[in-house]
N, C-alpha and C. Protein backbone atom coordinates (compact mmCIF):
# COMPACT_ATOMS: atom_id res chain seq x y z
N MET A 1 -5.12 21.46 -16.21
CA MET A 1 -3.93 21.19 -16.99
C MET A 1 -3.00 22.83 -16.54
N ILE A 2 -3.37 24.02 -16.63
CA ILE A 2 -2.88 25.13 -16.53
C ILE A 2 -2.47 25.28 -14.73
N LYS A 3 -3.05 24.67 -14.01
CA LYS A 3 -2.51 24.77 -12.55
C LYS A 3 -1.41 23.42 -12.42
N ARG A 4 -1.58 22.34 -13.20
CA ARG A 4 -0.69 21.43 -12.76
C ARG A 4 0.80 22.02 -13.44
N THR A 5 0.51 22.55 -14.57
CA THR A 5 1.67 23.28 -15.24
C THR A 5 2.46 24.29 -14.51
N PHE A 6 1.70 25.39 -14.04
CA PHE A 6 2.11 26.15 -13.07
C PHE A 6 2.95 25.53 -11.71
N ASP A 7 2.19 24.49 -11.25
CA ASP A 7 2.70 24.04 -10.16
C ASP A 7 4.05 23.14 -10.21
N PHE A 8 3.94 22.72 -11.48
CA PHE A 8 5.50 22.01 -11.91
C PHE A 8 6.58 22.57 -12.24
N PHE A 9 6.22 23.77 -12.83
CA PHE A 9 7.84 24.76 -13.15
C PHE A 9 7.61 25.64 -11.73
N ALA A 10 7.03 26.18 -10.79
CA ALA A 10 6.89 26.70 -10.04
C ALA A 10 7.93 26.16 -8.95
N SER A 11 7.39 24.57 -8.55
CA SER A 11 8.02 24.06 -7.55
C SER A 11 9.48 23.74 -8.19
N ALA A 12 9.72 23.41 -9.24
CA ALA A 12 11.19 23.27 -9.63
C ALA A 12 12.14 24.49 -9.72
N LEU A 13 11.37 25.47 -10.08
CA LEU A 13 11.92 26.75 -10.28
C LEU A 13 12.51 27.17 -8.27
N GLY A 14 11.17 26.67 -7.35
CA GLY A 14 11.51 26.89 -5.82
C GLY A 14 12.70 26.07 -5.54
N LEU A 15 12.49 24.82 -5.79
CA LEU A 15 13.57 23.91 -5.39
C LEU A 15 14.98 24.16 -5.75
N LEU A 16 15.05 24.77 -7.08
CA LEU A 16 16.40 25.33 -7.54
C LEU A 16 16.87 26.26 -6.97
N LEU A 17 16.30 27.41 -6.65
CA LEU A 17 16.41 28.60 -6.08
C LEU A 17 16.63 28.58 -4.52
N LEU A 18 15.86 27.71 -3.98
CA LEU A 18 15.96 27.53 -2.35
C LEU A 18 16.87 26.26 -2.13
N ALA A 19 17.54 25.82 -2.91
CA ALA A 19 18.60 24.65 -2.63
C ALA A 19 19.26 25.29 -1.54
N PRO A 20 20.16 26.26 -1.69
CA PRO A 20 21.19 26.73 -0.41
C PRO A 20 20.43 26.60 0.71
N ILE A 21 18.89 27.18 0.96
CA ILE A 21 18.26 27.16 2.06
C ILE A 21 18.27 25.99 2.67
N ILE A 22 17.48 25.20 1.79
CA ILE A 22 17.18 23.61 2.27
C ILE A 22 18.11 23.14 2.55
N ALA A 23 19.63 23.03 2.13
CA ALA A 23 20.47 22.24 2.70
C ALA A 23 21.07 22.84 4.10
N VAL A 24 20.98 24.17 4.27
CA VAL A 24 21.30 24.80 5.50
C VAL A 24 20.19 24.07 6.68
N VAL A 25 19.37 24.33 6.35
CA VAL A 25 18.10 23.72 7.31
C VAL A 25 18.43 22.11 7.64
N ALA A 26 18.69 21.63 6.56
CA ALA A 26 18.73 19.93 6.61
C ALA A 26 20.03 19.85 7.58
N TRP A 27 21.14 20.75 7.55
CA TRP A 27 22.49 20.51 8.21
C TRP A 27 22.03 20.89 9.60
N GLN A 28 21.14 22.23 9.86
CA GLN A 28 21.27 22.19 11.32
C GLN A 28 20.15 21.38 11.84
N ILE A 29 19.31 20.71 11.19
CA ILE A 29 18.64 19.64 12.09
C ILE A 29 19.45 18.66 12.23
N ARG A 30 20.19 18.20 11.28
CA ARG A 30 21.16 16.87 11.68
C ARG A 30 21.74 17.26 12.91
N LYS A 31 22.11 18.46 13.20
CA LYS A 31 22.81 19.00 14.31
C LYS A 31 22.46 19.11 15.56
N LYS A 32 21.16 19.59 15.47
CA LYS A 32 20.31 19.83 16.65
C LYS A 32 19.46 18.88 16.90
N LEU A 33 18.80 18.20 15.79
CA LEU A 33 17.88 17.26 16.33
C LEU A 33 17.94 15.77 16.03
N GLY A 34 19.28 15.67 15.38
CA GLY A 34 19.78 14.50 14.87
C GLY A 34 19.05 13.78 13.56
N SER A 35 19.21 12.57 13.25
CA SER A 35 18.71 12.08 12.28
C SER A 35 17.56 10.97 12.66
N PRO A 36 16.34 10.92 11.42
CA PRO A 36 16.40 11.91 10.41
C PRO A 36 16.30 13.00 10.33
N VAL A 37 16.54 13.70 9.16
CA VAL A 37 16.42 14.95 8.91
C VAL A 37 14.98 15.29 8.27
N LEU A 38 14.43 13.98 7.58
CA LEU A 38 12.89 14.51 7.03
C LEU A 38 12.04 13.53 7.93
N PHE A 39 10.88 14.24 8.12
CA PHE A 39 9.86 13.54 8.48
C PHE A 39 8.88 12.92 7.21
N ARG A 40 8.56 12.07 7.40
CA ARG A 40 7.63 11.21 6.16
C ARG A 40 6.47 10.62 6.79
N GLN A 41 5.16 10.94 6.28
CA GLN A 41 4.04 10.29 6.76
C GLN A 41 3.03 10.31 5.48
N VAL A 42 2.51 9.19 5.68
CA VAL A 42 1.33 8.82 4.55
C VAL A 42 0.22 9.82 4.97
N ARG A 43 -0.15 10.50 3.87
CA ARG A 43 -1.49 11.07 3.98
C ARG A 43 -2.46 11.19 2.83
N PRO A 44 -3.57 11.68 3.02
CA PRO A 44 -4.40 11.49 1.98
C PRO A 44 -4.53 12.76 0.95
N GLY A 45 -4.57 12.30 -0.17
CA GLY A 45 -4.34 12.95 -1.38
C GLY A 45 -5.60 13.17 -2.09
N LYS A 46 -5.38 13.95 -3.27
CA LYS A 46 -6.80 13.83 -4.08
C LYS A 46 -7.54 12.41 -4.19
N ASP A 47 -8.79 13.00 -4.09
CA ASP A 47 -9.79 11.95 -3.48
C ASP A 47 -9.84 10.88 -2.71
N GLY A 48 -8.62 10.99 -1.72
CA GLY A 48 -8.64 10.65 -0.72
C GLY A 48 -7.59 9.31 -0.65
N LYS A 49 -6.72 9.66 -2.02
CA LYS A 49 -5.85 8.58 -2.31
C LYS A 49 -4.45 8.66 -1.72
N PRO A 50 -3.95 7.79 -0.75
CA PRO A 50 -2.65 7.84 0.07
C PRO A 50 -1.47 8.20 -0.67
N PHE A 51 -0.73 9.09 0.01
CA PHE A 51 0.91 9.81 -0.68
C PHE A 51 1.40 9.61 0.44
N GLU A 52 2.77 9.70 0.28
CA GLU A 52 3.86 9.87 1.49
C GLU A 52 4.34 11.37 1.12
N MET A 53 4.00 12.36 2.48
CA MET A 53 4.19 13.49 2.28
C MET A 53 5.70 13.74 3.29
N ILE A 54 6.57 14.78 2.45
CA ILE A 54 7.64 14.77 3.49
C ILE A 54 8.05 16.48 4.00
N LYS A 55 8.37 16.45 5.20
CA LYS A 55 8.74 17.46 5.76
C LYS A 55 9.91 17.61 6.13
N PHE A 56 10.47 18.93 6.94
CA PHE A 56 11.27 18.74 7.87
C PHE A 56 11.17 18.40 9.10
N ARG A 57 12.19 17.48 9.68
CA ARG A 57 11.55 17.08 11.06
C ARG A 57 11.68 18.02 11.97
N THR A 58 10.94 18.67 13.03
CA THR A 58 10.71 19.58 14.07
C THR A 58 10.47 19.43 15.43
N MET A 59 10.43 17.96 15.73
CA MET A 59 10.55 17.51 17.08
C MET A 59 11.67 16.36 17.26
N ARG A 60 11.80 16.27 18.80
CA ARG A 60 12.74 15.37 19.35
C ARG A 60 12.00 13.98 19.27
N ASP A 61 13.03 13.07 19.35
CA ASP A 61 12.44 11.60 19.36
C ASP A 61 12.46 11.32 20.56
N ALA A 62 11.41 11.56 21.34
CA ALA A 62 11.85 11.03 22.84
C ALA A 62 10.52 10.56 22.91
N HIS A 63 10.89 9.22 24.34
CA HIS A 63 9.61 8.39 24.63
C HIS A 63 9.56 8.43 26.16
N ASP A 64 8.59 8.04 26.60
CA ASP A 64 8.40 7.56 28.08
C ASP A 64 9.07 6.33 28.25
N ALA A 65 8.57 5.95 29.70
CA ALA A 65 9.37 4.59 30.13
C ALA A 65 8.60 3.34 29.43
N MET A 66 7.72 3.65 28.84
CA MET A 66 6.73 2.54 28.08
C MET A 66 7.07 2.30 26.57
N GLY A 67 7.98 3.46 26.58
CA GLY A 67 8.26 3.30 24.57
C GLY A 67 7.41 4.32 23.99
N ASN A 68 6.24 4.95 24.85
CA ASN A 68 5.35 5.88 24.06
C ASN A 68 5.87 7.20 23.86
N PRO A 69 5.67 7.63 22.46
CA PRO A 69 6.35 9.15 22.40
C PRO A 69 5.69 10.03 23.31
N LEU A 70 6.37 11.07 23.85
CA LEU A 70 5.96 11.92 24.79
C LEU A 70 4.95 12.93 24.10
N PRO A 71 4.37 13.73 24.62
CA PRO A 71 3.15 14.76 24.11
C PRO A 71 4.30 15.80 23.29
N ASP A 72 3.50 16.37 21.95
CA ASP A 72 4.13 17.17 21.30
C ASP A 72 4.64 18.58 21.94
N SER A 73 4.10 18.80 22.97
CA SER A 73 4.46 20.00 23.60
C SER A 73 6.02 19.51 24.39
N GLU A 74 6.17 18.49 24.87
CA GLU A 74 7.66 18.06 25.28
C GLU A 74 8.53 17.94 24.37
N ARG A 75 8.25 17.57 22.90
CA ARG A 75 9.12 17.16 21.99
C ARG A 75 9.59 18.14 21.15
N MET A 76 8.79 18.90 21.03
CA MET A 76 9.18 20.52 20.61
C MET A 76 10.07 21.19 20.99
N THR A 77 11.16 21.49 20.23
CA THR A 77 12.37 22.46 20.79
C THR A 77 11.94 24.17 20.17
N PRO A 78 12.96 24.95 20.85
CA PRO A 78 12.67 26.27 20.02
C PRO A 78 13.21 26.12 18.70
N PHE A 79 14.36 25.42 18.45
CA PHE A 79 14.50 25.44 16.80
C PHE A 79 13.40 24.91 16.04
N GLY A 80 12.90 23.90 16.15
CA GLY A 80 11.50 23.21 15.85
C GLY A 80 10.63 24.27 15.64
N SER A 81 10.27 24.99 16.82
CA SER A 81 9.26 26.03 16.86
C SER A 81 9.55 27.29 15.93
N PHE A 82 10.87 27.28 15.85
CA PHE A 82 11.24 28.45 14.49
C PHE A 82 11.13 28.07 13.26
N LEU A 83 11.15 26.89 12.99
CA LEU A 83 11.18 26.22 11.63
C LEU A 83 9.45 26.33 11.46
N ARG A 84 8.60 25.91 12.30
CA ARG A 84 7.47 25.81 12.21
C ARG A 84 6.65 27.31 11.71
N SER A 85 7.17 28.51 12.63
CA SER A 85 6.82 29.85 12.75
C SER A 85 6.85 30.02 11.29
N SER A 86 8.21 29.66 10.89
CA SER A 86 8.92 30.36 9.35
C SER A 86 8.37 29.58 8.43
N SER A 87 7.82 28.35 8.51
CA SER A 87 7.05 27.76 7.52
C SER A 87 8.64 26.79 6.82
N LEU A 88 9.73 26.96 7.15
CA LEU A 88 10.59 26.56 6.75
C LEU A 88 10.86 24.79 6.40
N ASP A 89 9.88 24.51 7.72
CA ASP A 89 9.73 22.95 7.68
C ASP A 89 8.87 22.38 6.49
N GLU A 90 8.26 23.41 6.03
CA GLU A 90 7.38 22.98 4.65
C GLU A 90 7.81 22.70 3.07
N LEU A 91 9.47 23.02 3.13
CA LEU A 91 10.10 23.33 1.89
C LEU A 91 10.28 22.14 1.26
N PRO A 92 10.74 20.92 2.05
CA PRO A 92 10.34 19.43 1.26
C PRO A 92 9.27 19.48 0.44
N GLU A 93 8.19 19.91 0.78
CA GLU A 93 7.19 19.30 -0.02
C GLU A 93 7.01 20.10 -1.28
N LEU A 94 7.92 20.78 -1.89
CA LEU A 94 7.81 21.43 -3.14
C LEU A 94 8.31 20.04 -3.99
N TRP A 95 8.97 19.11 -3.43
CA TRP A 95 9.45 17.67 -3.92
C TRP A 95 7.87 17.06 -4.23
N ASN A 96 7.07 17.07 -3.29
CA ASN A 96 5.77 16.67 -3.45
C ASN A 96 4.91 16.82 -4.64
N VAL A 97 5.06 18.46 -4.40
CA VAL A 97 4.29 19.13 -5.87
C VAL A 97 4.89 18.89 -7.00
N LEU A 98 6.29 18.72 -7.08
CA LEU A 98 7.05 18.23 -8.47
C LEU A 98 6.78 16.98 -8.94
N LYS A 99 6.51 16.04 -8.07
CA LYS A 99 5.73 14.44 -8.46
C LYS A 99 4.54 14.48 -8.72
N GLY A 100 3.75 15.89 -8.14
CA GLY A 100 2.24 15.55 -8.82
C GLY A 100 1.23 15.40 -7.85
N ASP A 101 1.74 14.96 -6.60
CA ASP A 101 1.23 14.30 -5.11
C ASP A 101 0.22 15.62 -4.63
N MET A 102 0.96 16.72 -4.79
CA MET A 102 0.37 18.09 -3.96
C MET A 102 0.27 19.34 -5.33
N SER A 103 -0.28 20.07 -4.45
CA SER A 103 -0.05 21.42 -5.54
C SER A 103 0.53 22.43 -4.43
N LEU A 104 0.57 23.69 -5.01
CA LEU A 104 1.17 24.63 -4.33
C LEU A 104 0.15 25.27 -3.44
N VAL A 105 -1.04 25.28 -4.07
CA VAL A 105 -2.30 25.72 -3.29
C VAL A 105 -3.34 24.74 -3.50
N GLY A 106 -3.67 24.51 -2.15
CA GLY A 106 -5.35 23.32 -2.05
C GLY A 106 -5.30 23.29 -0.77
N PRO A 107 -6.32 22.47 -0.24
CA PRO A 107 -6.44 22.05 1.10
C PRO A 107 -5.28 21.36 1.65
N ARG A 108 -4.94 21.71 2.99
CA ARG A 108 -3.85 21.24 3.66
C ARG A 108 -4.03 19.65 3.94
N PRO A 109 -2.96 18.41 3.28
CA PRO A 109 -3.21 17.04 3.68
C PRO A 109 -3.10 16.81 5.27
N LEU A 110 -4.13 16.44 5.82
CA LEU A 110 -4.46 16.23 6.94
C LEU A 110 -3.95 14.78 7.50
N LEU A 111 -4.44 14.16 8.60
CA LEU A 111 -4.03 12.82 8.94
C LEU A 111 -5.24 11.70 7.94
N MET A 112 -4.45 10.46 8.00
CA MET A 112 -5.27 9.31 7.21
C MET A 112 -6.56 9.13 8.14
N GLU A 113 -6.22 9.41 9.38
CA GLU A 113 -7.42 8.60 10.49
C GLU A 113 -8.48 9.60 10.52
N TYR A 114 -8.24 10.87 9.90
CA TYR A 114 -9.81 11.96 9.72
C TYR A 114 -10.57 11.31 8.92
N LEU A 115 -9.92 10.55 7.70
CA LEU A 115 -10.88 10.11 6.47
C LEU A 115 -12.16 9.93 7.04
N PRO A 116 -12.42 8.96 7.93
CA PRO A 116 -13.97 8.41 8.12
C PRO A 116 -14.57 9.45 9.19
N LEU A 117 -14.23 10.35 9.49
CA LEU A 117 -14.61 11.29 10.58
C LEU A 117 -15.30 12.66 9.82
N TYR A 118 -14.85 12.98 8.45
CA TYR A 118 -15.63 13.95 7.81
C TYR A 118 -17.04 13.59 7.48
N ASN A 119 -18.04 14.71 7.34
CA ASN A 119 -19.20 14.49 6.78
C ASN A 119 -19.12 14.65 5.21
N ARG A 120 -20.27 14.53 4.62
CA ARG A 120 -20.13 14.27 3.17
C ARG A 120 -19.37 15.51 2.48
N GLU A 121 -20.03 16.83 3.12
CA GLU A 121 -19.45 18.06 2.82
C GLU A 121 -18.08 18.21 2.78
N GLN A 122 -17.58 18.17 4.16
CA GLN A 122 -16.03 18.36 4.32
C GLN A 122 -15.27 17.40 3.38
N TYR A 123 -15.79 16.20 3.08
CA TYR A 123 -14.76 15.10 2.25
C TYR A 123 -14.45 15.83 1.02
N ARG A 124 -15.39 16.83 0.67
CA ARG A 124 -15.39 17.36 -0.97
C ARG A 124 -13.77 18.21 -0.71
N ARG A 125 -13.04 18.30 0.17
CA ARG A 125 -11.90 18.97 0.04
C ARG A 125 -10.83 18.03 -0.91
N HIS A 126 -11.25 16.98 -0.71
CA HIS A 126 -10.26 16.09 -1.30
C HIS A 126 -10.65 15.62 -3.04
N GLU A 127 -11.46 16.78 -3.49
CA GLU A 127 -11.51 16.83 -4.72
C GLU A 127 -10.50 17.76 -5.77
N SER A 128 -9.41 18.35 -4.67
CA SER A 128 -8.90 19.09 -5.51
C SER A 128 -7.18 18.31 -4.52
N ARG A 129 -6.05 18.43 -5.17
CA ARG A 129 -4.92 18.05 -4.80
C ARG A 129 -4.78 18.86 -3.66
N PRO A 130 -4.14 18.16 -2.51
CA PRO A 130 -3.79 19.02 -1.28
C PRO A 130 -2.68 19.85 -1.61
N GLY A 131 -2.36 20.79 -0.88
CA GLY A 131 -1.54 22.09 -1.05
C GLY A 131 -0.40 22.49 0.34
N VAL A 132 0.45 23.04 -0.37
CA VAL A 132 1.56 23.52 0.44
C VAL A 132 1.11 24.53 1.35
N THR A 133 0.41 25.19 1.04
CA THR A 133 -0.63 26.43 1.63
C THR A 133 -1.83 26.46 0.92
N GLY A 134 -2.82 27.10 1.50
CA GLY A 134 -4.25 27.02 1.08
C GLY A 134 -5.12 28.19 1.56
N TRP A 135 -6.12 28.33 1.54
CA TRP A 135 -7.21 29.35 1.47
C TRP A 135 -7.28 29.50 2.89
N ALA A 136 -7.63 28.39 3.62
CA ALA A 136 -7.52 28.37 5.14
C ALA A 136 -6.62 28.85 5.93
N GLN A 137 -5.44 28.50 5.44
CA GLN A 137 -4.18 29.18 5.59
C GLN A 137 -3.92 30.84 5.84
N VAL A 138 -4.43 30.98 4.73
CA VAL A 138 -4.14 32.77 4.72
C VAL A 138 -5.67 32.98 5.27
N ASN A 139 -6.44 32.39 5.80
CA ASN A 139 -7.46 32.94 6.70
C ASN A 139 -7.92 32.83 7.98
N GLY A 140 -6.75 32.50 8.60
CA GLY A 140 -6.60 32.08 10.19
C GLY A 140 -5.68 30.89 10.63
N ARG A 141 -5.35 29.97 9.63
CA ARG A 141 -4.50 28.80 9.72
C ARG A 141 -4.87 28.13 11.08
N ASN A 142 -4.12 27.75 11.86
CA ASN A 142 -4.56 27.09 13.15
C ASN A 142 -5.23 27.55 14.29
N SER A 143 -5.44 29.09 13.98
CA SER A 143 -6.30 29.71 15.04
C SER A 143 -7.80 29.53 14.81
N LEU A 144 -8.01 29.11 13.47
CA LEU A 144 -9.47 28.49 13.17
C LEU A 144 -9.78 27.22 13.87
N GLY A 145 -11.35 27.15 13.88
CA GLY A 145 -11.90 25.68 14.37
C GLY A 145 -11.99 24.72 13.31
N TRP A 146 -11.94 23.69 13.51
CA TRP A 146 -11.91 22.56 12.16
C TRP A 146 -13.21 22.92 11.32
N GLU A 147 -14.41 23.28 11.52
CA GLU A 147 -15.34 23.28 10.85
C GLU A 147 -15.10 24.64 9.68
N GLU A 148 -14.44 25.67 10.74
CA GLU A 148 -14.14 26.82 9.53
C GLU A 148 -13.39 26.66 8.51
N LYS A 149 -12.31 25.74 8.90
CA LYS A 149 -11.41 25.20 7.90
C LYS A 149 -11.74 24.57 6.88
N PHE A 150 -12.80 23.37 7.00
CA PHE A 150 -13.40 22.57 6.23
C PHE A 150 -14.11 23.64 5.54
N GLU A 151 -14.65 24.54 5.75
CA GLU A 151 -15.56 25.35 4.81
C GLU A 151 -14.89 26.11 3.78
N LEU A 152 -13.63 26.58 4.39
CA LEU A 152 -12.95 27.76 3.39
C LEU A 152 -12.11 26.34 2.53
N ASP A 153 -11.93 25.22 2.74
CA ASP A 153 -11.29 23.96 1.93
C ASP A 153 -12.14 23.84 0.80
N VAL A 154 -13.63 23.66 1.17
CA VAL A 154 -14.67 23.23 0.31
C VAL A 154 -14.73 24.66 -0.75
N TRP A 155 -14.68 26.25 -0.06
CA TRP A 155 -15.00 27.08 -0.96
C TRP A 155 -13.68 27.24 -1.60
N TYR A 156 -12.48 26.99 -1.57
CA TYR A 156 -11.57 26.71 -2.32
C TYR A 156 -12.16 25.71 -3.55
N VAL A 157 -12.26 24.48 -3.49
CA VAL A 157 -12.58 23.78 -4.05
C VAL A 157 -13.58 24.27 -5.17
N ASP A 158 -14.50 24.84 -4.97
CA ASP A 158 -15.56 25.25 -5.74
C ASP A 158 -14.97 26.51 -6.49
N ASN A 159 -14.08 27.31 -6.21
CA ASN A 159 -13.86 28.49 -6.74
C ASN A 159 -12.25 28.56 -7.31
N GLN A 160 -11.66 27.78 -7.13
CA GLN A 160 -10.28 27.46 -7.54
C GLN A 160 -9.69 28.18 -9.18
N SER A 161 -8.67 28.75 -8.92
CA SER A 161 -8.47 29.02 -10.29
C SER A 161 -6.84 29.60 -10.28
N LEU A 162 -6.00 30.07 -11.20
CA LEU A 162 -4.89 30.35 -11.26
C LEU A 162 -4.69 31.62 -10.51
N TRP A 163 -5.72 32.60 -10.83
CA TRP A 163 -5.34 33.88 -10.07
C TRP A 163 -5.48 33.68 -8.96
N LEU A 164 -6.38 33.20 -8.13
CA LEU A 164 -6.75 32.72 -6.66
C LEU A 164 -5.30 32.10 -6.11
N ASP A 165 -4.89 31.21 -6.71
CA ASP A 165 -3.71 30.40 -6.53
C ASP A 165 -2.83 31.36 -6.20
N ILE A 166 -2.49 32.44 -7.03
CA ILE A 166 -1.55 33.51 -7.14
C ILE A 166 -1.71 34.69 -5.96
N LYS A 167 -2.93 34.60 -5.62
CA LYS A 167 -3.11 35.51 -4.37
C LYS A 167 -3.21 34.55 -3.25
N VAL A 168 -3.36 33.52 -2.79
CA VAL A 168 -2.80 32.76 -1.89
C VAL A 168 -1.57 32.68 -1.57
N ILE A 169 -0.51 32.61 -2.75
CA ILE A 169 0.82 32.35 -2.51
C ILE A 169 1.17 33.64 -2.06
N LEU A 170 0.99 34.80 -2.41
CA LEU A 170 1.10 36.15 -2.28
C LEU A 170 0.86 36.39 -0.57
N LEU A 171 -0.63 35.98 -0.03
CA LEU A 171 -0.78 36.25 1.26
C LEU A 171 -0.24 35.15 1.99
N THR A 172 0.00 34.20 1.81
CA THR A 172 1.25 33.20 2.44
C THR A 172 2.42 34.00 2.79
N VAL A 173 2.71 34.48 1.72
CA VAL A 173 4.48 35.25 2.26
C VAL A 173 4.20 36.13 3.11
N LYS A 174 2.98 36.93 2.95
CA LYS A 174 2.77 38.05 4.21
C LYS A 174 2.35 37.30 5.29
N LYS A 175 1.72 35.95 5.39
CA LYS A 175 1.39 35.55 6.89
C LYS A 175 2.70 34.90 7.75
N VAL A 176 3.28 34.35 6.49
CA VAL A 176 4.80 33.76 7.13
C VAL A 176 5.69 34.86 7.77
N LEU A 177 5.74 36.50 7.09
CA LEU A 177 6.45 37.37 7.65
C LEU A 177 5.96 37.72 9.26
N VAL A 178 4.90 37.62 9.15
CA VAL A 178 4.19 38.30 10.38
C VAL A 178 3.72 36.85 11.31
N ARG A 179 4.14 35.70 11.10
CA ARG A 179 3.74 34.56 11.90
C ARG A 179 2.73 34.75 12.50
N ASP A 180 1.65 34.71 11.61
CA ASP A 180 0.22 34.86 12.09
C ASP A 180 -0.44 33.43 12.16
N GLY A 181 -1.30 33.28 13.25
CA GLY A 181 -2.26 31.97 13.29
C GLY A 181 -1.16 30.82 13.25
N ILE A 182 -0.03 30.53 13.88
CA ILE A 182 0.82 29.35 13.56
C ILE A 182 0.15 28.13 14.14
N SER A 183 -0.16 28.73 15.92
CA SER A 183 -1.02 27.58 16.15
C SER A 183 -2.24 27.57 16.90
N ALA A 184 -3.13 26.73 17.53
CA ALA A 184 -4.22 27.05 18.00
C ALA A 184 -4.27 27.22 19.83
N GLU A 185 -4.95 28.01 20.12
CA GLU A 185 -4.63 28.44 21.61
C GLU A 185 -4.67 27.37 22.51
N GLY A 186 -3.35 27.14 23.35
CA GLY A 186 -3.08 26.11 24.00
C GLY A 186 -2.28 24.86 23.48
N GLU A 187 -2.15 24.74 22.18
CA GLU A 187 -1.56 23.74 21.58
C GLU A 187 -0.69 23.99 20.39
N VAL A 188 0.51 23.10 20.66
CA VAL A 188 1.68 23.11 19.57
C VAL A 188 1.36 23.54 18.28
N THR A 189 0.40 23.20 17.43
CA THR A 189 -0.05 23.12 16.49
C THR A 189 -1.59 23.39 16.42
N ALA A 190 -2.35 22.41 16.23
CA ALA A 190 -3.89 22.50 16.70
C ALA A 190 -4.21 21.06 17.16
N ALA A 191 -5.26 21.17 17.88
CA ALA A 191 -6.13 20.05 18.48
C ALA A 191 -6.29 19.28 17.40
N LYS A 192 -6.45 17.86 18.13
CA LYS A 192 -7.01 16.76 17.14
C LYS A 192 -8.50 16.86 16.76
N PHE A 193 -8.61 16.54 15.14
CA PHE A 193 -10.21 16.80 14.52
C PHE A 193 -10.96 15.32 15.31
N LYS A 194 -11.87 15.56 16.16
CA LYS A 194 -12.90 14.37 16.37
C LYS A 194 -13.68 14.11 15.75
N GLY A 195 -14.11 14.85 14.89
CA GLY A 195 -15.50 14.79 13.87
C GLY A 195 -16.31 15.73 14.48
N THR A 196 -17.25 16.10 13.26
CA THR A 196 -18.27 17.28 13.58
C THR A 196 -19.23 16.78 14.36
N LYS A 197 -19.83 18.11 15.19
CA LYS A 197 -20.80 17.61 16.00
C LYS A 197 -22.10 18.20 15.48
N SER A 198 -22.75 17.12 14.93
CA SER A 198 -24.41 17.46 14.46
C SER A 198 -25.01 15.96 14.74
């Protein structure tokens, strides 16, 4: 209850204070990338229950001659890269936090297609609401391997507290300012998870 109360009031305050920035970013996306401004995708939430996550769009809507989306590296623009490196693309997720789909801090919500690929221990990351930021994000972000990320996610699930959440939020601000661990080597963000080798 303490965590949810903190999330509710902090996300409401964040949406209020950041409203001018959110409006400017939305206007710039519409101007540079076109419509839609928001990227919506179903992701697994607490206990793996699906919810619709919203972010700012960062990629061009470009396809090949067969109608298939071009690779991320070809659809990403310098403006989109800036949004991701500054984490401005994550701001709409405060609405997900306000609604209760997400928490400010928790394991990042990944793709639905990953659910059957987790082993039993990795799946425990879904025992907590997914977060806008998380313990893995302040300990390497996309520079970490998948197994390392999941170990950090499960550690957070077992050790979560209000004070840990405040620490993660403060460390996130520091990470965003230095733009550390934004992408994996040779990737726009991170390589796809294909299951644990064991």
